[in-house]
C-alpha atoms as a PDB file:
ATOM      1  CA  MET A   1     -31.203   9.804  38.657  1.00  0.00           C
ATOM      2  CA  THR A   2     -33.951   8.914  40.568  1.00  0.00           C
ATOM      3  CA  HIS A   3     -34.285   6.677  43.819  1.00  0.00           C
ATOM      4  CA  VAL A   4     -36.470   4.048  41.015  1.00  0.00           C
ATOM      5  CA  HIS A   5     -33.763   4.109  38.827  1.00  0.00           C
ATOM      6  CA  HIS A   6     -30.992   3.856  41.039  1.00  0.00           C
ATOM      7  CA  ARG A   7     -32.186   0.634  42.592  1.00  0.00           C
ATOM      8  CA  LEU A   8     -32.689  -0.858  38.846  1.00  0.00           C
ATOM      9  CA  ALA A   9     -28.785  -0.408  38.395  1.00  0.00           C
ATOM     10  CA  THR A  10     -27.939  -1.451  41.571  1.00  0.00           C
ATOM     11  CA  GLY A  11     -30.203  -4.756  40.777  1.00  0.00           C
ATOM     12  CA  LEU A  12     -29.413  -4.995  37.513  1.00  0.00           C
ATOM     13  CA  LEU A  13     -25.548  -4.716  38.479  1.00  0.00           C
ATOM     14  CA  LEU A  14     -26.170  -7.494  41.015  1.00  0.00           C
ATOM     15  CA  ALA A  15     -27.408  -9.828  38.673  1.00  0.00           C
ATOM     16  CA  ALA A  16     -24.833  -9.483  37.115  1.00  0.00           C
ATOM     17  CA  THR A  17     -22.380  -9.908  39.221  1.00  0.00           C
ATOM     18  CA  LEU A  18     -24.518 -12.545  40.449  1.00  0.00           C
ATOM     19  CA  LEU A  19     -24.443 -14.239  36.718  1.00  0.00           C
ATOM     20  CA  ALA A  20     -20.665 -14.326  36.218  1.00  0.00           C
ATOM     21  CA  THR A  21     -19.677 -15.677  39.522  1.00  0.00           C
ATOM     22  CA  GLY A  22     -21.999 -18.200  38.668  1.00  0.00           C
ATOM     23  CA  LEU A  23     -20.782 -18.647  34.820  1.00  0.00           C
ATOM     24  CA  ALA A  24     -16.521 -18.485  35.864  1.00  0.00           C
ATOM     25  CA  GLN A  25     -17.896 -20.917  39.056  1.00  0.00           C
ATOM     26  CA  ALA A  26     -19.623 -23.340  35.809  1.00  0.00           C
ATOM     27  CA  ALA A  27     -16.500 -22.643  33.726  1.00  0.00           C
ATOM     28  CA  ASN A  28     -13.986 -24.118  36.906  1.00  0.00           C
ATOM     29  CA  ASP A  29     -15.857 -27.661  37.365  1.00  0.00           C
ATOM     30  CA  PRO A  30     -14.574 -30.669  36.935  1.00  0.00           C
ATOM     31  CA  LEU A  31     -16.889 -31.666  34.056  1.00  0.00           C
ATOM     32  CA  SER A  32     -16.620 -28.557  32.172  1.00  0.00           C
ATOM     33  CA  VAL A  33     -12.669 -28.302  32.375  1.00  0.00           C
ATOM     34  CA  VAL A  34     -12.667 -31.505  30.682  1.00  0.00           C
ATOM     35  CA  ARG A  35     -15.385 -30.780  28.035  1.00  0.00           C
ATOM     36  CA  ALA A  36     -13.513 -27.430  27.096  1.00  0.00           C
ATOM     37  CA  TYR A  37     -10.292 -29.388  27.410  1.00  0.00           C
ATOM     38  CA  MET A  38     -11.622 -32.694  24.950  1.00  0.00           C
ATOM     39  CA  ALA A  39     -12.505 -29.714  22.781  1.00  0.00           C
ATOM     40  CA  ALA A  40      -8.760 -28.081  22.613  1.00  0.00           C
ATOM     41  CA  TRP A  41      -7.513 -31.995  21.837  1.00  0.00           C
ATOM     42  CA  ASN A  42     -10.422 -31.978  18.946  1.00  0.00           C
ATOM     43  CA  ALA A  43      -9.340 -28.834  17.462  1.00  0.00           C
ATOM     44  CA  HIS A  44      -6.091 -30.341  17.620  1.00  0.00           C
ATOM     45  CA  ASN A  45      -4.251 -27.486  19.358  1.00  0.00           C
ATOM     46  CA  ALA A  46      -1.939 -28.639  21.641  1.00  0.00           C
ATOM     47  CA  ASN A  47      -0.892 -25.550  24.013  1.00  0.00           C
ATOM     48  CA  LEU A  48      -4.874 -24.577  24.376  1.00  0.00           C
ATOM     49  CA  ALA A  49      -5.117 -28.102  25.570  1.00  0.00           C
ATOM     50  CA  ALA A  50      -2.096 -27.450  28.110  1.00  0.00           C
ATOM     51  CA  SER A  51      -3.634 -24.632  28.778  1.00  0.00           C
ATOM     52  CA  TYR A  52      -6.057 -26.771  31.004  1.00  0.00           C
ATOM     53  CA  LEU A  53      -3.420 -28.162  32.860  1.00  0.00           C
ATOM     54  CA  ASP A  54      -1.949 -27.649  36.122  1.00  0.00           C
ATOM     55  CA  TYR A  55       1.312 -25.839  36.182  1.00  0.00           C
ATOM     56  CA  GLU A  56       2.393 -29.726  38.390  1.00  0.00           C
ATOM     57  CA  VAL A  57      -0.121 -32.114  36.501  1.00  0.00           C
ATOM     58  CA  THR A  58       0.740 -35.719  36.893  1.00  0.00           C
ATOM     59  CA  TYR A  59      -0.054 -37.170  33.018  1.00  0.00           C
ATOM     60  CA  TYR A  60      -0.104 -41.143  33.265  1.00  0.00           C
ATOM     61  CA  ASP A  61      -0.607 -43.584  30.561  1.00  0.00           C
ATOM     62  CA  ALA A  62      -1.398 -46.535  31.693  1.00  0.00           C
ATOM     63  CA  SER A  63       0.556 -48.315  29.040  1.00  0.00           C
ATOM     64  CA  VAL A  64       4.083 -46.298  28.977  1.00  0.00           C
ATOM     65  CA  GLY A  65       3.433 -46.856  32.529  1.00  0.00           C
ATOM     66  CA  THR A  66       6.184 -43.858  33.434  1.00  0.00           C
ATOM     67  CA  PRO A  67       4.191 -40.637  34.758  1.00  0.00           C
ATOM     68  CA  GLN A  68       5.140 -37.690  32.892  1.00  0.00           C
ATOM     69  CA  GLN A  69       5.368 -34.490  35.723  1.00  0.00           C
ATOM     70  CA  GLY A  70       4.440 -31.399  34.422  1.00  0.00           C
ATOM     71  CA  VAL A  71       2.768 -28.866  31.886  1.00  0.00           C
ATOM     72  CA  VAL A  72       5.447 -28.366  29.638  1.00  0.00           C
ATOM     73  CA  VAL A  73       6.149 -32.289  29.848  1.00  0.00           C
ATOM     74  CA  ALA A  74       3.082 -33.352  29.077  1.00  0.00           C
ATOM     75  CA  ARG A  75       2.189 -30.574  26.842  1.00  0.00           C
ATOM     76  CA  ASP A  76       5.453 -32.345  24.777  1.00  0.00           C
ATOM     77  CA  ASN A  77       5.254 -36.013  25.094  1.00  0.00           C
ATOM     78  CA  VAL A  78       1.852 -36.657  25.086  1.00  0.00           C
ATOM     79  CA  ILE A  79      -0.250 -34.427  23.837  1.00  0.00           C
ATOM     80  CA  LYS A  80       1.571 -33.181  20.740  1.00  0.00           C
ATOM     81  CA  ALA A  81       2.774 -36.823  20.394  1.00  0.00           C
ATOM     82  CA  PHE A  82      -0.846 -37.492  19.624  1.00  0.00           C
ATOM     83  CA  ILE A  83      -1.652 -34.840  17.874  1.00  0.00           C
ATOM     84  CA  ASN A  84       1.302 -34.906  15.618  1.00  0.00           C
ATOM     85  CA  ALA A  85       1.064 -39.085  14.793  1.00  0.00           C
ATOM     86  CA  PHE A  86      -2.374 -38.396  13.865  1.00  0.00           C
ATOM     87  CA  PRO A  87      -4.082 -34.511  12.954  1.00  0.00           C
ATOM     88  CA  ASP A  88      -7.613 -35.842  12.364  1.00  0.00           C
ATOM     89  CA  CYS A  89      -7.916 -37.545  15.490  1.00  0.00           C
ATOM     90  CA  GLN A  90     -11.590 -36.990  17.337  1.00  0.00           C
ATOM     91  CA  TRP A  91     -11.185 -38.088  21.562  1.00  0.00           C
ATOM     92  CA  THR A  92     -14.974 -38.066  22.503  1.00  0.00           C
ATOM     93  CA  MET A  93     -16.921 -38.843  25.801  1.00  0.00           C
ATOM     94  CA  ASP A  94     -19.067 -42.245  25.952  1.00  0.00           C
ATOM     95  CA  GLY A  95     -21.896 -42.143  27.610  1.00  0.00           C
ATOM     96  CA  LYS A  96     -22.586 -40.708  30.708  1.00  0.00           C
ATOM     97  CA  PRO A  97     -19.295 -39.725  33.058  1.00  0.00           C
ATOM     98  CA  LEU A  98     -19.032 -40.107  36.379  1.00  0.00           C
ATOM     99  CA  VAL A  99     -18.354 -36.887  38.306  1.00  0.00           C
ATOM    100  CA  ASP A 100     -17.868 -35.536  42.387  1.00  0.00           C
ATOM    101  CA  ARG A 101     -16.531 -32.427  43.616  1.00  0.00           C
ATOM    102  CA  ASP A 102     -13.342 -33.080  41.961  1.00  0.00           C
ATOM    103  CA  GLY A 103     -12.796 -35.469  39.669  1.00  0.00           C
ATOM    104  CA  VAL A 104     -14.747 -36.958  36.475  1.00  0.00           C
ATOM    105  CA  ALA A 105     -13.744 -40.512  35.330  1.00  0.00           C
ATOM    106  CA  PHE A 106     -15.109 -41.519  31.998  1.00  0.00           C
ATOM    107  CA  GLN A 107     -15.227 -44.068  28.723  1.00  0.00           C
ATOM    108  CA  TRP A 108     -13.811 -42.623  25.833  1.00  0.00           C
ATOM    109  CA  THR A 109     -13.647 -43.166  21.983  1.00  0.00           C
ATOM    110  CA  PHE A 110     -10.403 -42.177  19.866  1.00  0.00           C
ATOM    111  CA  THR A 111     -10.172 -41.815  16.405  1.00  0.00           C
ATOM    112  CA  GLY A 112      -7.859 -40.484  13.687  1.00  0.00           C
ATOM    113  CA  THR A 113      -5.629 -41.849  11.438  1.00  0.00           C
ATOM    114  CA  ASN A 114      -1.370 -41.937  11.552  1.00  0.00           C
ATOM    115  CA  THR A 115      -0.930 -39.734   8.881  1.00  0.00           C
ATOM    116  CA  GLY A 116       1.842 -38.056  11.156  1.00  0.00           C
ATOM    117  CA  ALA A 117       5.388 -39.446  12.738  1.00  0.00           C
ATOM    118  CA  PHE A 118       5.427 -40.752  16.726  1.00  0.00           C
ATOM    119  CA  ALA A 119       7.715 -38.816  19.464  1.00  0.00           C
ATOM    120  CA  ASP A 120       9.996 -42.009  19.819  1.00  0.00           C
ATOM    121  CA  GLY A 121      10.517 -41.665  15.302  1.00  0.00           C
ATOM    122  CA  THR A 122       8.040 -44.786  14.148  1.00  0.00           C
ATOM    123  CA  LYS A 123       6.954 -43.464  10.427  1.00  0.00           C
ATOM    124  CA  ALA A 124       3.699 -43.363  10.447  1.00  0.00           C
ATOM    125  CA  THR A 125       1.331 -46.147   8.889  1.00  0.00           C
ATOM    126  CA  GLY A 126      -1.151 -44.312   7.342  1.00  0.00           C
ATOM    127  CA  LYS A 127      -3.741 -47.101   9.041  1.00  0.00           C
ATOM    128  CA  PRO A 128      -7.281 -45.682  10.830  1.00  0.00           C
ATOM    129  CA  LEU A 129      -7.015 -45.921  14.543  1.00  0.00           C
ATOM    130  CA  VAL A 130     -11.091 -46.427  16.882  1.00  0.00           C
ATOM    131  CA  LEU A 131      -9.748 -46.899  20.636  1.00  0.00           C
ATOM    132  CA  HIS A 132     -10.910 -46.953  23.440  1.00  0.00           C
ATOM    133  CA  GLY A 133     -10.032 -46.128  26.400  1.00  0.00           C
ATOM    134  CA  LEU A 134     -11.174 -44.870  30.533  1.00  0.00           C
ATOM    135  CA  THR A 135      -9.978 -41.778  31.165  1.00  0.00           C
ATOM    136  CA  LEU A 136      -9.477 -40.396  35.688  1.00  0.00           C
ATOM    137  CA  ILE A 137      -8.845 -35.883  35.465  1.00  0.00           C
ATOM    138  CA  ARG A 138      -8.736 -34.952  38.949  1.00  0.00           C
ATOM    139  CA  VAL A 139      -9.218 -30.919  38.262  1.00  0.00           C
ATOM    140  CA  LYS A 140      -8.377 -28.278  41.414  1.00  0.00           C
ATOM    141  CA  GLN A 141      -9.599 -24.932  40.853  1.00  0.00           C
ATOM    142  CA  GLY A 142     -10.083 -25.159  36.702  1.00  0.00           C
ATOM    143  CA  LYS A 143      -6.666 -26.927  36.522  1.00  0.00           C
ATOM    144  CA  ILE A 144      -6.343 -30.640  35.941  1.00  0.00           C
ATOM    145  CA  VAL A 145      -4.108 -32.257  38.261  1.00  0.00           C
ATOM    146  CA  TYR A 146      -3.625 -34.982  37.451  1.00  0.00           C
ATOM    147  CA  GLN A 147      -4.710 -37.861  34.359  1.00  0.00           C
ATOM    148  CA  GLY A 148      -4.685 -41.397  33.952  1.00  0.00           C
ATOM    149  CA  ASP A 149      -5.927 -43.087  30.797  1.00  0.00           C
ATOM    150  CA  TYR A 150      -6.138 -46.769  30.722  1.00  0.00           C
ATOM    151  CA  TYR A 151      -6.526 -47.997  27.002  1.00  0.00           C
ATOM    152  CA  ASP A 152      -4.953 -51.041  25.057  1.00  0.00           C
ATOM    153  CA  ALA A 153      -1.790 -50.633  24.003  1.00  0.00           C
ATOM    154  CA  LEU A 154      -2.023 -54.556  22.645  1.00  0.00           C
ATOM    155  CA  GLY A 155      -5.133 -53.222  20.499  1.00  0.00           C
ATOM    156  CA  PHE A 156      -3.414 -49.791  18.672  1.00  0.00           C
ATOM    157  CA  ASN A 157      -0.077 -51.656  17.835  1.00  0.00           C
ATOM    158  CA  LYS A 158      -1.907 -54.236  16.295  1.00  0.00           C
ATOM    159  CA  GLN A 159      -4.749 -51.566  14.324  1.00  0.00           C
ATOM    160  CA  LEU A 160      -1.685 -49.877  13.458  1.00  0.00           C
ATOM    161  CA  GLY A 161       1.108 -52.449  12.177  1.00  0.00           C
ATOM    162  CA  LEU A 162       2.912 -51.837  14.765  1.00  0.00           C
END
């Protein structure tokens, strides 16, 4: 290998390393993590969605009031429960989120048709749902360590006739 080729190869290797490092860091920034997490929800893949949660995540649903602790509990009691109850669900971010170095706050719309039973055994209503809310998410080292969801539970129940 000539000196020029060696320098070119070294330069390309350095550029590839910097690009890969930048992409890895970008993939761990809070907004990228949240967007990927929401995409997993929209793909109706509870296990993939849970892969974005920290092992010791706290998942707080204000309408329920009891925090769900840990990735398995959050996956089973929240993510799977909603995906099972609304198998066609879509969760979209409305407007521009507020983002800082370790958190994202955003308004959202959750839509779907209740064709599956709820986790508590309540039978499917067959009714459509359009729910608006606000979520606060904190991310550390590329994993969601806290999620707080705030929405109109009365409106949720009225739309579904519960």
